[in-house]
Amino acid sequence: PRGGQGNYTDYGMFSTFPGPGDNQIMIVAGTRDEGLMHTAQAIVDSEVLAVLETSLADPGRGEHALEVLYEVAGVDRTNLDAALVYSANLEFEGIWGAAL
């Protein structure tokens, strides 16, 4: 339910990958405000970033390309708790139709 009635589950996603012209593309999204807020807070937290970088490190790959999904418990536009439910290196090579 929305409108301040009870808890609900939301999701937030972060993805980053190389773009054309030596740019780094970053996408932060959520199915509702709580998922977006939690994900935005998580990706600027140095401890969270260190864990992600360590767990997803690919020594043969110089580029940063990963995606993560959080499940967020929310109530009345407040993120109460969250869990990382998916994380993986992103196979970005086909995104632009050719190798960068």
PDB file of N, CA and C in Angstrom:
ATOM      1  N   PRO A   1       0.825  -1.200   0.000  1.00  0.00           N
ATOM      2  CA  PRO A   1       0.000   0.000   0.000  1.00  0.00           C
ATOM      3  C   PRO A   1       0.859   1.249   0.000  1.00  0.00           C
ATOM      4  N   ARG A   2       0.317   2.293  -0.571  1.00  0.00           N
ATOM      5  CA  ARG A   2       1.003   3.580  -0.595  1.00  0.00           C
ATOM      6  C   ARG A   2       0.256   4.550   0.301  1.00  0.00           C
ATOM      7  N   GLY A   3       0.729   5.777   0.361  1.00  0.00           N
ATOM      8  CA  GLY A   3       0.036   6.806   1.127  1.00  0.00           C
ATOM      9  C   GLY A   3       0.192   6.663   2.620  1.00  0.00           C
ATOM     10  N   GLY A   4       1.351   6.129   3.078  1.00  0.00           N
ATOM     11  CA  GLY A   4       1.621   6.064   4.507  1.00  0.00           C
ATOM     12  C   GLY A   4       1.009   4.876   5.212  1.00  0.00           C
ATOM     13  N   GLN A   5       0.483   3.921   4.476  1.00  0.00           N
ATOM     14  CA  GLN A   5      -0.162   2.769   5.102  1.00  0.00           C
ATOM     15  C   GLN A   5       0.704   1.527   4.949  1.00  0.00           C
ATOM     16  N   GLY A   6       1.437   1.166   5.970  1.00  0.00           N
ATOM     17  CA  GLY A   6       2.186  -0.085   5.990  1.00  0.00           C
ATOM     18  C   GLY A   6       3.496  -0.063   5.222  1.00  0.00           C
ATOM     19  N   ASN A   7       4.226  -1.158   5.415  1.00  0.00           N
ATOM     20  CA  ASN A   7       5.511  -1.344   4.748  1.00  0.00           C
ATOM     21  C   ASN A   7       5.307  -1.931   3.362  1.00  0.00           C
ATOM     22  N   TYR A   8       6.264  -1.716   2.480  1.00  0.00           N
ATOM     23  CA  TYR A   8       6.233  -2.286   1.143  1.00  0.00           C
ATOM     24  C   TYR A   8       7.664  -2.514   0.680  1.00  0.00           C
ATOM     25  N   THR A   9       7.799  -3.272  -0.382  1.00  0.00           N
ATOM     26  CA  THR A   9       9.106  -3.586  -0.943  1.00  0.00           C
ATOM     27  C   THR A   9       9.318  -2.772  -2.209  1.00  0.00           C
ATOM     28  N   ASP A  10      10.504  -2.216  -2.324  1.00  0.00           N
ATOM     29  CA  ASP A  10      10.898  -1.415  -3.473  1.00  0.00           C
ATOM     30  C   ASP A  10      12.215  -1.986  -3.993  1.00  0.00           C
ATOM     31  N   TYR A  11      12.644  -1.547  -5.165  1.00  0.00           N
ATOM     32  CA  TYR A  11      13.912  -2.008  -5.728  1.00  0.00           C
ATOM     33  C   TYR A  11      14.686  -0.819  -6.274  1.00  0.00           C
ATOM     34  N   GLY A  12      16.007  -0.905  -6.165  1.00  0.00           N
ATOM     35  CA  GLY A  12      16.886   0.115  -6.718  1.00  0.00           C
ATOM     36  C   GLY A  12      18.002  -0.549  -7.491  1.00  0.00           C
ATOM     37  N   MET A  13      18.383   0.061  -8.613  1.00  0.00           N
ATOM     38  CA  MET A  13      19.431  -0.518  -9.452  1.00  0.00           C
ATOM     39  C   MET A  13      20.486   0.534  -9.773  1.00  0.00           C
ATOM     40  N   PHE A  14      21.727   0.079  -9.790  1.00  0.00           N
ATOM     41  CA  PHE A  14      22.853   0.907 -10.209  1.00  0.00           C
ATOM     42  C   PHE A  14      23.607   0.152 -11.284  1.00  0.00           C
ATOM     43  N   SER A  15      23.963   0.845 -12.343  1.00  0.00           N
ATOM     44  CA  SER A  15      24.754   0.248 -13.410  1.00  0.00           C
ATOM     45  C   SER A  15      25.760   1.287 -13.882  1.00  0.00           C
ATOM     46  N   THR A  16      26.943   0.841 -14.182  1.00  0.00           N
ATOM     47  CA  THR A  16      27.965   1.733 -14.748  1.00  0.00           C
ATOM     48  C   THR A  16      28.764   0.963 -15.787  1.00  0.00           C
ATOM     49  N   PHE A  17      29.113   1.652 -16.858  1.00  0.00           N
ATOM     50  CA  PHE A  17      29.855   1.015 -17.939  1.00  0.00           C
ATOM     51  C   PHE A  17      30.496   2.091 -18.810  1.00  0.00           C
ATOM     52  N   PRO A  18      31.555   1.733 -19.556  1.00  0.00           N
ATOM     53  CA  PRO A  18      32.219   2.704 -20.421  1.00  0.00           C
ATOM     54  C   PRO A  18      31.307   3.121 -21.568  1.00  0.00           C
ATOM     55  N   GLY A  19      31.407   4.397 -21.922  1.00  0.00           N
ATOM     56  CA  GLY A  19      30.664   4.919 -23.057  1.00  0.00           C
ATOM     57  C   GLY A  19      31.608   5.377 -24.143  1.00  0.00           C
ATOM     58  N   PRO A  20      31.066   5.865 -25.227  1.00  0.00           N
ATOM     59  CA  PRO A  20      31.922   6.362 -26.306  1.00  0.00           C
ATOM     60  C   PRO A  20      32.698   7.601 -25.867  1.00  0.00           C
ATOM     61  N   GLY A  21      33.823   7.808 -26.478  1.00  0.00           N
ATOM     62  CA  GLY A  21      34.625   8.996 -26.189  1.00  0.00           C
ATOM     63  C   GLY A  21      35.227   9.000 -24.803  1.00  0.00           C
ATOM     64  N   ASP A  22      35.558   7.840 -24.268  1.00  0.00           N
ATOM     65  CA  ASP A  22      36.164   7.712 -22.942  1.00  0.00           C
ATOM     66  C   ASP A  22      35.277   8.242 -21.818  1.00  0.00           C
ATOM     67  N   ASN A  23      33.968   8.210 -21.996  1.00  0.00           N
ATOM     68  CA  ASN A  23      33.018   8.587 -20.946  1.00  0.00           C
ATOM     69  C   ASN A  23      32.665   7.374 -20.111  1.00  0.00           C
ATOM     70  N   GLN A  24      32.226   7.598 -18.886  1.00  0.00           N
ATOM     71  CA  GLN A  24      31.721   6.530 -18.022  1.00  0.00           C
ATOM     72  C   GLN A  24      30.237   6.809 -17.797  1.00  0.00           C
ATOM     73  N   ILE A  25      29.378   5.886 -18.192  1.00  0.00           N
ATOM     74  CA  ILE A  25      27.941   6.027 -18.043  1.00  0.00           C
ATOM     75  C   ILE A  25      27.537   5.453 -16.686  1.00  0.00           C
ATOM     76  N   MET A  26      26.694   6.163 -15.950  1.00  0.00           N
ATOM     77  CA  MET A  26      26.176   5.681 -14.665  1.00  0.00           C
ATOM     78  C   MET A  26      24.662   5.829 -14.677  1.00  0.00           C
ATOM     79  N   ILE A  27      23.959   4.765 -14.299  1.00  0.00           N
ATOM     80  CA  ILE A  27      22.510   4.781 -14.227  1.00  0.00           C
ATOM     81  C   ILE A  27      22.104   4.423 -12.808  1.00  0.00           C
ATOM     82  N   VAL A  28      21.283   5.270 -12.193  1.00  0.00           N
ATOM     83  CA  VAL A  28      20.735   5.018 -10.858  1.00  0.00           C
ATOM     84  C   VAL A  28      19.223   5.079 -11.007  1.00  0.00           C
ATOM     85  N   ALA A  29      18.525   4.003 -10.645  1.00  0.00           N
ATOM     86  CA  ALA A  29      17.077   3.956 -10.838  1.00  0.00           C
ATOM     87  C   ALA A  29      16.415   3.235  -9.672  1.00  0.00           C
ATOM     88  N   GLY A  30      15.147   3.510  -9.493  1.00  0.00           N
ATOM     89  CA  GLY A  30      14.369   2.832  -8.464  1.00  0.00           C
ATOM     90  C   GLY A  30      12.933   2.685  -8.914  1.00  0.00           C
ATOM     91  N   THR A  31      12.256   1.651  -8.419  1.00  0.00           N
ATOM     92  CA  THR A  31      10.854   1.481  -8.783  1.00  0.00           C
ATOM     93  C   THR A  31       9.979   2.485  -8.052  1.00  0.00           C
ATOM     94  N   ARG A  32      10.451   3.012  -6.940  1.00  0.00           N
ATOM     95  CA  ARG A  32       9.788   4.090  -6.204  1.00  0.00           C
ATOM     96  C   ARG A  32      10.889   4.952  -5.584  1.00  0.00           C
ATOM     97  N   ASP A  33      10.488   5.978  -4.854  1.00  0.00           N
ATOM     98  CA  ASP A  33      11.457   6.886  -4.241  1.00  0.00           C
ATOM     99  C   ASP A  33      12.439   6.166  -3.323  1.00  0.00           C
ATOM    100  N   GLU A  34      11.959   5.225  -2.522  1.00  0.00           N
ATOM    101  CA  GLU A  34      12.813   4.569  -1.520  1.00  0.00           C
ATOM    102  C   GLU A  34      13.936   3.780  -2.165  1.00  0.00           C
ATOM    103  N   GLY A  35      13.636   3.054  -3.243  1.00  0.00           N
ATOM    104  CA  GLY A  35      14.670   2.303  -3.947  1.00  0.00           C
ATOM    105  C   GLY A  35      15.718   3.204  -4.551  1.00  0.00           C
ATOM    106  N   LEU A  36      15.281   4.287  -5.130  1.00  0.00           N
ATOM    107  CA  LEU A  36      16.204   5.254  -5.717  1.00  0.00           C
ATOM    108  C   LEU A  36      17.063   5.919  -4.645  1.00  0.00           C
ATOM    109  N   MET A  37      16.428   6.331  -3.539  1.00  0.00           N
ATOM    110  CA  MET A  37      17.187   6.993  -2.467  1.00  0.00           C
ATOM    111  C   MET A  37      18.219   6.057  -1.858  1.00  0.00           C
ATOM    112  N   HIS A  38      17.840   4.811  -1.582  1.00  0.00           N
ATOM    113  CA  HIS A  38      18.803   3.881  -0.990  1.00  0.00           C
ATOM    114  C   HIS A  38      19.973   3.639  -1.942  1.00  0.00           C
ATOM    115  N   THR A  39      19.670   3.409  -3.208  1.00  0.00           N
ATOM    116  CA  THR A  39      20.723   3.120  -4.175  1.00  0.00           C
ATOM    117  C   THR A  39      21.672   4.301  -4.322  1.00  0.00           C
ATOM    118  N   ALA A  40      21.131   5.497  -4.396  1.00  0.00           N
ATOM    119  CA  ALA A  40      21.981   6.695  -4.499  1.00  0.00           C
ATOM    120  C   ALA A  40      22.872   6.843  -3.269  1.00  0.00           C
ATOM    121  N   GLN A  41      22.323   6.571  -2.092  1.00  0.00           N
ATOM    122  CA  GLN A  41      23.127   6.653  -0.866  1.00  0.00           C
ATOM    123  C   GLN A  41      24.199   5.567  -0.841  1.00  0.00           C
ATOM    124  N   ALA A  42      23.849   4.367  -1.293  1.00  0.00           N
ATOM    125  CA  ALA A  42      24.795   3.246  -1.257  1.00  0.00           C
ATOM    126  C   ALA A  42      25.994   3.489  -2.169  1.00  0.00           C
ATOM    127  N   ILE A  43      25.750   4.015  -3.358  1.00  0.00           N
ATOM    128  CA  ILE A  43      26.853   4.125  -4.322  1.00  0.00           C
ATOM    129  C   ILE A  43      27.806   5.270  -4.032  1.00  0.00           C
ATOM    130  N   VAL A  44      27.481   6.118  -3.079  1.00  0.00           N
ATOM    131  CA  VAL A  44      28.433   7.146  -2.671  1.00  0.00           C
ATOM    132  C   VAL A  44      29.095   6.798  -1.338  1.00  0.00           C
ATOM    133  N   ASP A  45      28.753   5.650  -0.780  1.00  0.00           N
ATOM    134  CA  ASP A  45      29.345   5.185   0.472  1.00  0.00           C
ATOM    135  C   ASP A  45      30.640   4.440   0.146  1.00  0.00           C
ATOM    136  N   SER A  46      31.766   4.933   0.641  1.00  0.00           N
ATOM    137  CA  SER A  46      33.067   4.346   0.293  1.00  0.00           C
ATOM    138  C   SER A  46      33.188   2.887   0.720  1.00  0.00           C
ATOM    139  N   GLU A  47      32.572   2.498   1.827  1.00  0.00           N
ATOM    140  CA  GLU A  47      32.627   1.102   2.265  1.00  0.00           C
ATOM    141  C   GLU A  47      31.846   0.200   1.317  1.00  0.00           C
ATOM    142  N   VAL A  48      30.680   0.636   0.894  1.00  0.00           N
ATOM    143  CA  VAL A  48      29.878  -0.140  -0.054  1.00  0.00           C
ATOM    144  C   VAL A  48      30.632  -0.280  -1.368  1.00  0.00           C
ATOM    145  N   LEU A  49      31.202   0.814  -1.850  1.00  0.00           N
ATOM    146  CA  LEU A  49      31.946   0.773  -3.102  1.00  0.00           C
ATOM    147  C   LEU A  49      33.150  -0.153  -3.016  1.00  0.00           C
ATOM    148  N   ALA A  50      33.825  -0.161  -1.889  1.00  0.00           N
ATOM    149  CA  ALA A  50      34.984  -1.046  -1.707  1.00  0.00           C
ATOM    150  C   ALA A  50      34.564  -2.511  -1.771  1.00  0.00           C
ATOM    151  N   VAL A  51      33.433  -2.841  -1.144  1.00  0.00           N
ATOM    152  CA  VAL A  51      32.935  -4.222  -1.172  1.00  0.00           C
ATOM    153  C   VAL A  51      32.562  -4.619  -2.596  1.00  0.00           C
ATOM    154  N   LEU A  52      31.855  -3.750  -3.290  1.00  0.00           N
ATOM    155  CA  LEU A  52      31.472  -4.055  -4.670  1.00  0.00           C
ATOM    156  C   LEU A  52      32.697  -4.214  -5.561  1.00  0.00           C
ATOM    157  N   GLU A  53      33.635  -3.305  -5.438  1.00  0.00           N
ATOM    158  CA  GLU A  53      34.829  -3.359  -6.270  1.00  0.00           C
ATOM    159  C   GLU A  53      35.633  -4.626  -6.002  1.00  0.00           C
ATOM    160  N   THR A  54      35.730  -5.021  -4.739  1.00  0.00           N
ATOM    161  CA  THR A  54      36.463  -6.229  -4.387  1.00  0.00           C
ATOM    162  C   THR A  54      35.752  -7.474  -4.891  1.00  0.00           C
ATOM    163  N   SER A  55      34.434  -7.545  -4.689  1.00  0.00           N
ATOM    164  CA  SER A  55      33.695  -8.741  -5.075  1.00  0.00           C
ATOM    165  C   SER A  55      33.530  -8.867  -6.579  1.00  0.00           C
ATOM    166  N   LEU A  56      33.556  -7.760  -7.303  1.00  0.00           N
ATOM    167  CA  LEU A  56      33.340  -7.802  -8.744  1.00  0.00           C
ATOM    168  C   LEU A  56      34.604  -7.525  -9.547  1.00  0.00           C
ATOM    169  N   ALA A  57      35.739  -7.474  -8.873  1.00  0.00           N
ATOM    170  CA  ALA A  57      36.991  -7.151  -9.563  1.00  0.00           C
ATOM    171  C   ALA A  57      37.293  -8.192 -10.631  1.00  0.00           C
ATOM    172  N   ASP A  58      37.649  -7.728 -11.791  1.00  0.00           N
ATOM    173  CA  ASP A  58      38.061  -8.578 -12.911  1.00  0.00           C
ATOM    174  C   ASP A  58      39.421  -8.069 -13.366  1.00  0.00           C
ATOM    175  N   PRO A  59      40.510  -8.742 -12.904  1.00  0.00           N
ATOM    176  CA  PRO A  59      41.856  -8.230 -13.169  1.00  0.00           C
ATOM    177  C   PRO A  59      42.174  -8.041 -14.642  1.00  0.00           C
ATOM    178  N   GLY A  60      41.549  -8.806 -15.527  1.00  0.00           N
ATOM    179  CA  GLY A  60      41.851  -8.692 -16.947  1.00  0.00           C
ATOM    180  C   GLY A  60      41.115  -7.560 -17.621  1.00  0.00           C
ATOM    181  N   ARG A  61      40.272  -6.897 -16.895  1.00  0.00           N
ATOM    182  CA  ARG A  61      39.426  -5.862 -17.486  1.00  0.00           C
ATOM    183  C   ARG A  61      39.773  -4.515 -16.862  1.00  0.00           C
ATOM    184  N   GLY A  62      40.166  -3.562 -17.681  1.00  0.00           N
ATOM    185  CA  GLY A  62      40.516  -2.252 -17.154  1.00  0.00           C
ATOM    186  C   GLY A  62      39.308  -1.371 -16.889  1.00  0.00           C
ATOM    187  N   GLU A  63      38.204  -1.649 -17.573  1.00  0.00           N
ATOM    188  CA  GLU A  63      37.020  -0.806 -17.461  1.00  0.00           C
ATOM    189  C   GLU A  63      36.197  -1.164 -16.234  1.00  0.00           C
ATOM    190  N   HIS A  64      35.465  -0.165 -15.720  1.00  0.00           N
ATOM    191  CA  HIS A  64      34.500  -0.419 -14.662  1.00  0.00           C
ATOM    192  C   HIS A  64      33.159  -0.661 -15.338  1.00  0.00           C
ATOM    193  N   ALA A  65      32.620  -1.872 -15.171  1.00  0.00           N
ATOM    194  CA  ALA A  65      31.334  -2.219 -15.771  1.00  0.00           C
ATOM    195  C   ALA A  65      30.642  -3.199 -14.837  1.00  0.00           C
ATOM    196  N   LEU A  66      29.630  -2.707 -14.133  1.00  0.00           N
ATOM    197  CA  LEU A  66      28.935  -3.567 -13.186  1.00  0.00           C
ATOM    198  C   LEU A  66      27.490  -3.139 -13.042  1.00  0.00           C
ATOM    199  N   GLU A  67      26.687  -4.022 -12.450  1.00  0.00           N
ATOM    200  CA  GLU A  67      25.306  -3.714 -12.136  1.00  0.00           C
ATOM    201  C   GLU A  67      24.954  -4.345 -10.803  1.00  0.00           C
ATOM    202  N   VAL A  68      24.146  -3.646 -10.020  1.00  0.00           N
ATOM    203  CA  VAL A  68      23.705  -4.140  -8.717  1.00  0.00           C
ATOM    204  C   VAL A  68      22.215  -3.840  -8.545  1.00  0.00           C
ATOM    205  N   LEU A  69      21.552  -4.702  -7.776  1.00  0.00           N
ATOM    206  CA  LEU A  69      20.133  -4.534  -7.501  1.00  0.00           C
ATOM    207  C   LEU A  69      19.916  -4.667  -6.001  1.00  0.00           C
ATOM    208  N   TYR A  70      19.230  -3.689  -5.423  1.00  0.00           N
ATOM    209  CA  TYR A  70      18.893  -3.694  -4.002  1.00  0.00           C
ATOM    210  C   TYR A  70      17.398  -3.903  -3.822  1.00  0.00           C
ATOM    211  N   GLU A  71      17.038  -4.694  -2.820  1.00  0.00           N
ATOM    212  CA  GLU A  71      15.657  -4.801  -2.382  1.00  0.00           C
ATOM    213  C   GLU A  71      15.528  -3.924  -1.143  1.00  0.00           C
ATOM    214  N   VAL A  72      14.588  -3.004  -1.169  1.00  0.00           N
ATOM    215  CA  VAL A  72      14.487  -1.981  -0.132  1.00  0.00           C
ATOM    216  C   VAL A  72      13.125  -2.060   0.552  1.00  0.00           C
ATOM    217  N   ALA A  73      13.144  -2.129   1.879  1.00  0.00           N
ATOM    218  CA  ALA A  73      11.905  -2.054   2.661  1.00  0.00           C
ATOM    219  C   ALA A  73      11.608  -0.589   2.906  1.00  0.00           C
ATOM    220  N   GLY A  74      10.401  -0.167   2.573  1.00  0.00           N
ATOM    221  CA  GLY A  74      10.061   1.235   2.724  1.00  0.00           C
ATOM    222  C   GLY A  74       8.710   1.434   3.373  1.00  0.00           C
ATOM    223  N   VAL A  75       8.538   2.631   3.920  1.00  0.00           N
ATOM    224  CA  VAL A  75       7.245   3.055   4.448  1.00  0.00           C
ATOM    225  C   VAL A  75       7.187   4.577   4.334  1.00  0.00           C
ATOM    226  N   ASP A  76       6.139   5.080   3.748  1.00  0.00           N
ATOM    227  CA  ASP A  76       5.896   6.521   3.667  1.00  0.00           C
ATOM    228  C   ASP A  76       7.119   7.306   3.192  1.00  0.00           C
ATOM    229  N   ARG A  77       7.665   6.907   2.062  1.00  0.00           N
ATOM    230  CA  ARG A  77       8.833   7.534   1.437  1.00  0.00           C
ATOM    231  C   ARG A  77      10.082   7.540   2.301  1.00  0.00           C
ATOM    232  N   THR A  78      10.235   6.513   3.114  1.00  0.00           N
ATOM    233  CA  THR A  78      11.431   6.339   3.933  1.00  0.00           C
ATOM    234  C   THR A  78      11.967   4.935   3.703  1.00  0.00           C
ATOM    235  N   ASN A  79      13.255   4.832   3.370  1.00  0.00           N
ATOM    236  CA  ASN A  79      13.867   3.514   3.211  1.00  0.00           C
ATOM    237  C   ASN A  79      14.333   3.028   4.577  1.00  0.00           C
ATOM    238  N   LEU A  80      13.726   1.924   5.042  1.00  0.00           N
ATOM    239  CA  LEU A  80      14.000   1.407   6.375  1.00  0.00           C
ATOM    240  C   LEU A  80      15.188   0.459   6.409  1.00  0.00           C
ATOM    241  N   ASP A  81      15.262  -0.414   5.426  1.00  0.00           N
ATOM    242  CA  ASP A  81      16.303  -1.432   5.396  1.00  0.00           C
ATOM    243  C   ASP A  81      16.480  -1.848   3.948  1.00  0.00           C
ATOM    244  N   ALA A  82      17.635  -2.423   3.630  1.00  0.00           N
ATOM    245  CA  ALA A  82      17.877  -2.857   2.262  1.00  0.00           C
ATOM    246  C   ALA A  82      18.827  -4.041   2.252  1.00  0.00           C
ATOM    247  N   ALA A  83      18.734  -4.823   1.194  1.00  0.00           N
ATOM    248  CA  ALA A  83      19.621  -5.953   0.997  1.00  0.00           C
ATOM    249  C   ALA A  83      20.065  -5.977  -0.458  1.00  0.00           C
ATOM    250  N   LEU A  84      21.337  -6.264  -0.658  1.00  0.00           N
ATOM    251  CA  LEU A  84      21.862  -6.438  -1.998  1.00  0.00           C
ATOM    252  C   LEU A  84      21.391  -7.812  -2.485  1.00  0.00           C
ATOM    253  N   VAL A  85      20.603  -7.862  -3.549  1.00  0.00           N
ATOM    254  CA  VAL A  85      20.063  -9.140  -4.020  1.00  0.00           C
ATOM    255  C   VAL A  85      20.732  -9.635  -5.296  1.00  0.00           C
ATOM    256  N   TYR A  86      21.473  -8.756  -5.983  1.00  0.00           N
ATOM    257  CA  TYR A  86      22.139  -9.165  -7.218  1.00  0.00           C
ATOM    258  C   TYR A  86      23.289  -8.216  -7.487  1.00  0.00           C
ATOM    259  N   SER A  87      24.406  -8.784  -7.899  1.00  0.00           N
ATOM    260  CA  SER A  87      25.529  -7.972  -8.357  1.00  0.00           C
ATOM    261  C   SER A  87      26.329  -8.791  -9.355  1.00  0.00           C
ATOM    262  N   ALA A  88      26.794  -8.131 -10.398  1.00  0.00           N
ATOM    263  CA  ALA A  88      27.558  -8.842 -11.426  1.00  0.00           C
ATOM    264  C   ALA A  88      28.351  -7.848 -12.257  1.00  0.00           C
ATOM    265  N   ASN A  89      29.421  -8.353 -12.837  1.00  0.00           N
ATOM    266  CA  ASN A  89      30.116  -7.567 -13.847  1.00  0.00           C
ATOM    267  C   ASN A  89      29.186  -7.473 -15.046  1.00  0.00           C
ATOM    268  N   LEU A  90      29.177  -6.353 -15.701  1.00  0.00           N
ATOM    269  CA  LEU A  90      28.287  -6.113 -16.829  1.00  0.00           C
ATOM    270  C   LEU A  90      29.039  -6.340 -18.127  1.00  0.00           C
ATOM    271  N   GLU A  91      28.486  -7.176 -18.980  1.00  0.00           N
ATOM    272  CA  GLU A  91      29.058  -7.403 -20.297  1.00  0.00           C
ATOM    273  C   GLU A  91      28.562  -6.271 -21.198  1.00  0.00           C
ATOM    274  N   PHE A  92      29.332  -5.208 -21.253  1.00  0.00           N
ATOM    275  CA  PHE A  92      28.898  -3.977 -21.918  1.00  0.00           C
ATOM    276  C   PHE A  92      29.291  -3.889 -23.383  1.00  0.00           C
ATOM    277  N   GLU A  93      30.127  -4.791 -23.846  1.00  0.00           N
ATOM    278  CA  GLU A  93      30.717  -4.644 -25.170  1.00  0.00           C
ATOM    279  C   GLU A  93      29.676  -4.513 -26.276  1.00  0.00           C
ATOM    280  N   GLY A  94      28.536  -5.147 -26.156  1.00  0.00           N
ATOM    281  CA  GLY A  94      27.528  -5.086 -27.205  1.00  0.00           C
ATOM    282  C   GLY A  94      26.594  -3.888 -27.119  1.00  0.00           C
ATOM    283  N   ILE A  95      26.699  -3.101 -26.063  1.00  0.00           N
ATOM    284  CA  ILE A  95      25.782  -1.980 -25.875  1.00  0.00           C
ATOM    285  C   ILE A  95      25.886  -0.971 -27.010  1.00  0.00           C
ATOM    286  N   TRP A  96      27.083  -0.654 -27.425  1.00  0.00           N
ATOM    287  CA  TRP A  96      27.279   0.390 -28.439  1.00  0.00           C
ATOM    288  C   TRP A  96      27.393  -0.187 -29.837  1.00  0.00           C
ATOM    289  N   GLY A  97      27.269  -1.494 -29.995  1.00  0.00           N
ATOM    290  CA  GLY A  97      27.304  -2.109 -31.306  1.00  0.00           C
ATOM    291  C   GLY A  97      28.703  -2.366 -31.846  1.00  0.00           C
ATOM    292  N   ALA A  98      29.711  -1.927 -31.134  1.00  0.00           N
ATOM    293  CA  ALA A  98      31.107  -2.146 -31.552  1.00  0.00           C
ATOM    294  C   ALA A  98      32.003  -1.946 -30.336  1.00  0.00           C
ATOM    295  N   ALA A  99      33.179  -2.500 -30.415  1.00  0.00           N
ATOM    296  CA  ALA A  99      34.135  -2.321 -29.324  1.00  0.00           C
ATOM    297  C   ALA A  99      34.521  -0.851 -29.223  1.00  0.00           C
ATOM    298  N   LEU A 100      34.678  -0.385 -27.978  1.00  0.00           N
ATOM    299  CA  LEU A 100      35.078   1.018 -27.773  1.00  0.00           C
ATOM    300  C   LEU A 100      36.570   1.175 -27.915  1.00  0.00           C
TER     301      LEU A 100
END
